[in-house]
């Protein structure tokens, strides 16, 4: 079980970093979402992975899981959903104003040779 969770965190992180390094807006947004999912799974796994245990200790339960990571993950999900919505709206506004969704566009009229790269 621990290997599966650790592997999923690694896959989510690698895919998120790969998408963040892309030059288009939409893959960058998806990459940040995958990174936030990886952090959420990591936070959830910090509360020790146990099966069939209640989050609150009752009279008939012998042990319980730690409810703090569950609360942290729930809060992180809400915050990441809100931030993703804000970033999507900003990206949509940038796309509609410039008709292009490249992340590193140069200002109009400026080329790479004008930036002073590689010349003497």
C-alpha atoms as a PDB file:
ATOM      1  CA  UNK A   1       0.000   0.000   0.000  1.00  0.00           C
ATOM      2  CA  UNK A   2       2.791   2.419   0.887  1.00  0.00           C
ATOM      3  CA  UNK A   3       4.615   1.665  -2.375  1.00  0.00           C
ATOM      4  CA  UNK A   4       1.463   2.412  -4.371  1.00  0.00           C
ATOM      5  CA  UNK A   5       0.911   5.750  -2.621  1.00  0.00           C
ATOM      6  CA  UNK A   6       4.579   6.754  -2.935  1.00  0.00           C
ATOM      7  CA  UNK A   7       4.577   5.807  -6.617  1.00  0.00           C
ATOM      8  CA  UNK A   8       1.423   7.798  -7.280  1.00  0.00           C
ATOM      9  CA  UNK A   9       2.911  10.840  -5.551  1.00  0.00           C
ATOM     10  CA  UNK A  10       6.026  10.492  -7.715  1.00  0.00           C
ATOM     11  CA  UNK A  11       4.055  10.108 -10.944  1.00  0.00           C
ATOM     12  CA  UNK A  12       1.854  13.106 -10.126  1.00  0.00           C
ATOM     13  CA  UNK A  13       4.913  15.206  -9.297  1.00  0.00           C
ATOM     14  CA  UNK A  14       6.821  14.240 -12.455  1.00  0.00           C
ATOM     15  CA  UNK A  15       3.805  14.852 -14.678  1.00  0.00           C
ATOM     16  CA  UNK A  16       3.102  18.156 -12.943  1.00  0.00           C
ATOM     17  CA  UNK A  17       6.676  19.420 -13.340  1.00  0.00           C
ATOM     18  CA  UNK A  18       6.712  18.336 -16.991  1.00  0.00           C
ATOM     19  CA  UNK A  19       3.487  20.214 -17.700  1.00  0.00           C
ATOM     20  CA  UNK A  20       4.614  23.317 -15.793  1.00  0.00           C
ATOM     21  CA  UNK A  21       7.708  23.498 -18.018  1.00  0.00           C
ATOM     22  CA  UNK A  22       5.596  23.574 -21.196  1.00  0.00           C
ATOM     23  CA  UNK A  23       5.249  26.852 -23.102  1.00  0.00           C
ATOM     24  CA  UNK A  24       1.471  26.954 -23.291  1.00  0.00           C
ATOM     25  CA  UNK A  25      -0.923  28.277 -20.676  1.00  0.00           C
ATOM     26  CA  UNK A  26      -3.303  25.325 -20.385  1.00  0.00           C
ATOM     27  CA  UNK A  27      -0.613  22.677 -19.713  1.00  0.00           C
ATOM     28  CA  UNK A  28       0.903  24.972 -17.072  1.00  0.00           C
ATOM     29  CA  UNK A  29      -2.468  25.163 -15.315  1.00  0.00           C
ATOM     30  CA  UNK A  30      -2.868  21.369 -15.498  1.00  0.00           C
ATOM     31  CA  UNK A  31       0.682  20.952 -14.158  1.00  0.00           C
ATOM     32  CA  UNK A  32       0.036  23.120 -11.131  1.00  0.00           C
ATOM     33  CA  UNK A  33      -3.160  21.171 -10.499  1.00  0.00           C
ATOM     34  CA  UNK A  34      -1.263  17.867 -10.633  1.00  0.00           C
ATOM     35  CA  UNK A  35       1.372  19.255  -8.273  1.00  0.00           C
ATOM     36  CA  UNK A  36      -1.323  20.308  -5.825  1.00  0.00           C
ATOM     37  CA  UNK A  37      -2.853  16.814  -6.045  1.00  0.00           C
ATOM     38  CA  UNK A  38       0.556  15.318  -5.289  1.00  0.00           C
ATOM     39  CA  UNK A  39       0.899  17.542  -2.231  1.00  0.00           C
ATOM     40  CA  UNK A  40      -2.622  16.583  -1.109  1.00  0.00           C
ATOM     41  CA  UNK A  41      -1.860  12.861  -1.352  1.00  0.00           C
ATOM     42  CA  UNK A  42       1.423  13.437   0.500  1.00  0.00           C
ATOM     43  CA  UNK A  43      -0.360  15.313   3.296  1.00  0.00           C
ATOM     44  CA  UNK A  44      -2.953  12.575   3.506  1.00  0.00           C
ATOM     45  CA  UNK A  45      -0.247   9.908   3.717  1.00  0.00           C
ATOM     46  CA  UNK A  46       1.455  11.702   6.617  1.00  0.00           C
ATOM     47  CA  UNK A  47      -1.420  10.609   8.848  1.00  0.00           C
ATOM     48  CA  UNK A  48      -0.282   6.981   8.490  1.00  0.00           C
ATOM     49  CA  UNK A  49      -2.127   4.725   6.100  1.00  0.00           C
ATOM     50  CA  UNK A  50      -4.568   2.549   8.035  1.00  0.00           C
ATOM     51  CA  UNK A  51      -7.636   0.702   6.810  1.00  0.00           C
ATOM     52  CA  UNK A  52     -11.058   0.407   8.500  1.00  0.00           C
ATOM     53  CA  UNK A  53     -10.320   2.787  11.367  1.00  0.00           C
ATOM     54  CA  UNK A  54     -12.649   5.646  12.322  1.00  0.00           C
ATOM     55  CA  UNK A  55     -11.314   9.225  12.273  1.00  0.00           C
ATOM     56  CA  UNK A  56     -12.764   9.858  15.741  1.00  0.00           C
ATOM     57  CA  UNK A  57     -12.221   7.628  18.769  1.00  0.00           C
ATOM     58  CA  UNK A  58     -15.502   6.215  20.072  1.00  0.00           C
ATOM     59  CA  UNK A  59     -16.382   3.761  22.837  1.00  0.00           C
ATOM     60  CA  UNK A  60     -16.325   0.685  20.623  1.00  0.00           C
ATOM     61  CA  UNK A  61     -13.230   1.615  18.555  1.00  0.00           C
ATOM     62  CA  UNK A  62      -9.857   0.357  19.718  1.00  0.00           C
ATOM     63  CA  UNK A  63      -7.820   2.817  17.651  1.00  0.00           C
ATOM     64  CA  UNK A  64      -8.401   5.661  15.236  1.00  0.00           C
ATOM     65  CA  UNK A  65      -6.707   7.519  12.397  1.00  0.00           C
ATOM     66  CA  UNK A  66      -5.298  10.997  12.758  1.00  0.00           C
ATOM     67  CA  UNK A  67      -7.997  13.471  11.617  1.00  0.00           C
ATOM     68  CA  UNK A  68      -5.574  16.397  11.184  1.00  0.00           C
ATOM     69  CA  UNK A  69      -4.186  15.341   7.757  1.00  0.00           C
ATOM     70  CA  UNK A  70      -7.737  14.775   6.550  1.00  0.00           C
ATOM     71  CA  UNK A  71      -8.689  18.301   7.569  1.00  0.00           C
ATOM     72  CA  UNK A  72      -5.532  19.714   5.966  1.00  0.00           C
ATOM     73  CA  UNK A  73      -6.241  17.915   2.694  1.00  0.00           C
ATOM     74  CA  UNK A  74      -9.841  19.100   2.643  1.00  0.00           C
ATOM     75  CA  UNK A  75      -8.691  22.681   3.172  1.00  0.00           C
ATOM     76  CA  UNK A  76      -5.985  22.317   0.502  1.00  0.00           C
ATOM     77  CA  UNK A  77      -8.510  20.953  -2.011  1.00  0.00           C
ATOM     78  CA  UNK A  78     -10.777  23.959  -1.522  1.00  0.00           C
ATOM     79  CA  UNK A  79      -7.896  26.427  -1.794  1.00  0.00           C
ATOM     80  CA  UNK A  80      -6.416  24.761  -4.889  1.00  0.00           C
ATOM     81  CA  UNK A  81      -9.825  24.681  -6.588  1.00  0.00           C
ATOM     82  CA  UNK A  82     -10.269  28.402  -5.975  1.00  0.00           C
ATOM     83  CA  UNK A  83      -6.761  29.250  -7.153  1.00  0.00           C
ATOM     84  CA  UNK A  84      -7.181  27.108 -10.276  1.00  0.00           C
ATOM     85  CA  UNK A  85     -10.371  28.989 -11.115  1.00  0.00           C
ATOM     86  CA  UNK A  86      -8.573  32.332 -10.691  1.00  0.00           C
ATOM     87  CA  UNK A  87      -5.614  31.243 -12.828  1.00  0.00           C
ATOM     88  CA  UNK A  88      -7.933  29.916 -15.559  1.00  0.00           C
ATOM     89  CA  UNK A  89      -9.736  33.259 -15.681  1.00  0.00           C
ATOM     90  CA  UNK A  90      -6.441  35.177 -15.861  1.00  0.00           C
ATOM     91  CA  UNK A  91      -5.162  32.872 -18.617  1.00  0.00           C
ATOM     92  CA  UNK A  92      -8.425  33.183 -20.534  1.00  0.00           C
ATOM     93  CA  UNK A  93      -8.221  36.970 -20.331  1.00  0.00           C
ATOM     94  CA  UNK A  94      -4.608  36.929 -21.537  1.00  0.00           C
ATOM     95  CA  UNK A  95      -5.526  34.620 -24.414  1.00  0.00           C
ATOM     96  CA  UNK A  96      -8.482  36.730 -25.487  1.00  0.00           C
ATOM     97  CA  UNK A  97      -6.426  39.928 -25.415  1.00  0.00           C
ATOM     98  CA  UNK A  98      -3.481  38.565 -27.424  1.00  0.00           C
ATOM     99  CA  UNK A  99      -4.967  35.626 -29.400  1.00  0.00           C
ATOM    100  CA  UNK A 100      -2.039  33.484 -28.249  1.00  0.00           C
ATOM    101  CA  UNK A 101      -1.478  31.267 -25.227  1.00  0.00           C
ATOM    102  CA  UNK A 102       2.312  31.056 -25.150  1.00  0.00           C
ATOM    103  CA  UNK A 103       3.763  31.686 -21.711  1.00  0.00           C
ATOM    104  CA  UNK A 104       7.010  33.373 -22.791  1.00  0.00           C
ATOM    105  CA  UNK A 105       5.910  35.565 -25.696  1.00  0.00           C
ATOM    106  CA  UNK A 106       8.067  38.509 -26.586  1.00  0.00           C
ATOM    107  CA  UNK A 107       6.506  41.951 -26.900  1.00  0.00           C
ATOM    108  CA  UNK A 108       5.346  42.813 -30.390  1.00  0.00           C
ATOM    109  CA  UNK A 109       8.171  44.020 -32.650  1.00  0.00           C
ATOM    110  CA  UNK A 110      10.933  42.504 -30.473  1.00  0.00           C
ATOM    111  CA  UNK A 111      12.822  39.474 -31.765  1.00  0.00           C
ATOM    112  CA  UNK A 112      15.343  37.195 -30.074  1.00  0.00           C
ATOM    113  CA  UNK A 113      18.212  38.979 -31.851  1.00  0.00           C
ATOM    114  CA  UNK A 114      17.064  42.283 -30.305  1.00  0.00           C
ATOM    115  CA  UNK A 115      17.494  40.912 -26.790  1.00  0.00           C
ATOM    116  CA  UNK A 116      21.271  40.768 -27.125  1.00  0.00           C
ATOM    117  CA  UNK A 117      21.633  36.994 -26.974  1.00  0.00           C
ATOM    118  CA  UNK A 118      24.681  35.392 -28.536  1.00  0.00           C
ATOM    119  CA  UNK A 119      26.029  38.475 -30.250  1.00  0.00           C
ATOM    120  CA  UNK A 120      29.211  40.472 -29.820  1.00  0.00           C
END
